[in-house]
Amino acid sequence: MRIIKQKTLKDFWEKHTNSEQALKAWYYEAQHAVWASFADIKAKFPYADVLPGNRVVFNIKGNAYRLVVQIHYNTKVVYIRFVGTHAEHDKINAETI
C-alpha cells in the first residue's frame, strides 16, 4: 500500500516519543500489505474498526493512541486522516476528519 502523509506520523511521534516504535511498526506493516478489503486488515489487526467511507481506526500501542486512515482499496492508497491520543480521538468525528 502507498501511504500518504507519513510526516503526520513522524510529527506525532516526535511529540509523543513512546509512540514511535508502534507507529513505525504499523507503517511497515501497512506499506508491505496488499489490502483488498477490510477483512484483509482485520486478519492482521484484529482490533481495527471499520467506519463509513472506507475509513479504519487502528489502536496503536495497546490503545493508548488511535490512528484513523481512509483507504482507497482499488488504487492501494492509504491516507492518514488523524493520529492522536485516545482522549483526543474521543473529541473528533472520525467519519469526517
Protein backbone atom coordinates (compact mmCIF):
# COMPACT_ATOMS: atom_id res chain seq x y z
CA MET A 1 0.00 0.00 0.00
CA ARG A 2 1.11 3.56 -0.62
CA ILE A 3 0.74 5.71 2.48
CA ILE A 4 0.12 9.41 2.13
CA LYS A 5 1.41 11.78 4.79
CA GLN A 6 3.97 9.75 6.69
CA LYS A 7 5.07 13.15 8.00
CA THR A 8 1.88 13.22 10.09
CA LEU A 9 3.09 10.11 11.91
CA LYS A 10 6.61 11.49 12.32
CA ASP A 11 5.36 14.79 13.70
CA PHE A 12 3.24 12.90 16.21
CA TRP A 13 5.96 10.55 17.44
CA GLU A 14 8.35 13.46 17.86
CA LYS A 15 5.87 14.90 20.41
CA HIS A 16 4.90 11.50 21.88
CA THR A 17 8.18 9.60 21.78
CA ASN A 18 6.74 6.43 23.31
CA SER A 19 4.52 6.04 20.22
CA GLU A 20 7.41 5.96 17.73
CA GLN A 21 8.09 2.23 17.60
CA ALA A 22 4.40 1.30 17.43
CA LEU A 23 3.71 3.79 14.63
CA LYS A 24 6.79 2.68 12.70
CA ALA A 25 5.65 -0.94 13.05
CA TRP A 26 2.17 -0.05 11.76
CA TYR A 27 3.69 1.89 8.86
CA TYR A 28 5.94 -1.01 7.90
CA GLU A 29 3.06 -3.49 8.01
CA ALA A 30 0.75 -1.21 6.03
CA GLN A 31 3.37 -0.35 3.44
CA HIS A 32 4.02 -4.03 2.71
CA ALA A 33 0.38 -5.08 2.81
CA VAL A 34 -1.98 -5.58 -0.09
CA TRP A 35 -5.38 -4.80 1.35
CA ALA A 36 -8.33 -5.53 -0.93
CA SER A 37 -10.96 -5.14 1.79
CA PHE A 38 -11.42 -4.55 5.49
CA ALA A 39 -11.32 -8.32 6.03
CA ASP A 40 -7.65 -8.28 4.98
CA ILE A 41 -6.93 -5.60 7.58
CA LYS A 42 -8.87 -7.40 10.31
CA ALA A 43 -6.82 -10.55 9.74
CA LYS A 44 -3.62 -8.67 10.68
CA PHE A 45 -5.09 -6.05 13.03
CA PRO A 46 -7.93 -7.75 14.95
CA TYR A 47 -8.71 -4.63 17.00
CA ALA A 48 -9.16 -2.33 13.99
CA ASP A 49 -12.62 -0.87 13.46
CA VAL A 50 -14.27 -0.05 10.16
CA LEU A 51 -16.13 3.23 9.63
CA PRO A 52 -18.22 4.52 6.72
CA GLY A 53 -16.33 5.94 3.77
CA ASN A 54 -13.60 3.28 3.77
CA ARG A 55 -12.15 4.62 7.00
CA VAL A 56 -10.42 2.44 9.52
CA VAL A 57 -9.44 3.15 13.12
CA PHE A 58 -6.33 1.38 14.37
CA ASN A 59 -5.46 1.01 18.03
CA ILE A 60 -1.80 1.88 18.47
CA LYS A 61 0.39 0.89 21.42
CA GLY A 62 -2.21 -1.00 23.38
CA ASN A 63 -4.95 1.50 22.56
CA ALA A 64 -3.04 4.44 24.05
CA TYR A 65 -3.19 6.07 20.64
CA ARG A 66 -5.60 5.99 17.72
CA LEU A 67 -4.86 6.20 14.03
CA VAL A 68 -7.62 6.98 11.54
CA VAL A 69 -7.00 6.32 7.87
CA GLN A 70 -9.04 6.41 4.70
CA ILE A 71 -8.27 3.62 2.28
CA HIS A 72 -8.77 3.52 -1.46
CA TYR A 73 -8.62 -0.22 -1.97
CA ASN A 74 -8.75 -0.03 -5.75
CA THR A 75 -5.67 2.21 -6.02
CA LYS A 76 -3.92 0.75 -2.94
CA VAL A 77 -3.57 4.16 -1.28
CA VAL A 78 -3.90 4.85 2.45
CA TYR A 79 -4.49 8.44 3.57
CA ILE A 80 -3.65 9.25 7.16
CA ARG A 81 -6.52 11.37 8.47
CA PHE A 82 -5.73 11.54 12.21
CA VAL A 83 -3.28 10.30 14.81
CA GLY A 84 -3.70 11.17 18.44
CA THR A 85 -4.26 10.00 21.96
CA HIS A 86 -7.34 8.04 22.86
CA ALA A 87 -8.74 11.13 24.59
CA GLU A 88 -8.09 13.31 21.52
CA HIS A 89 -9.79 10.73 19.33
CA ASP A 90 -12.89 10.86 21.52
CA LYS A 91 -13.22 14.59 20.69
CA ILE A 92 -13.26 14.20 16.88
CA ASN A 93 -15.65 12.74 14.36
CA ALA A 94 -13.52 10.04 12.74
CA GLU A 95 -16.01 9.74 9.89
CA THR A 96 -15.39 13.29 8.67
CA ILE A 97 -11.92 14.31 9.78
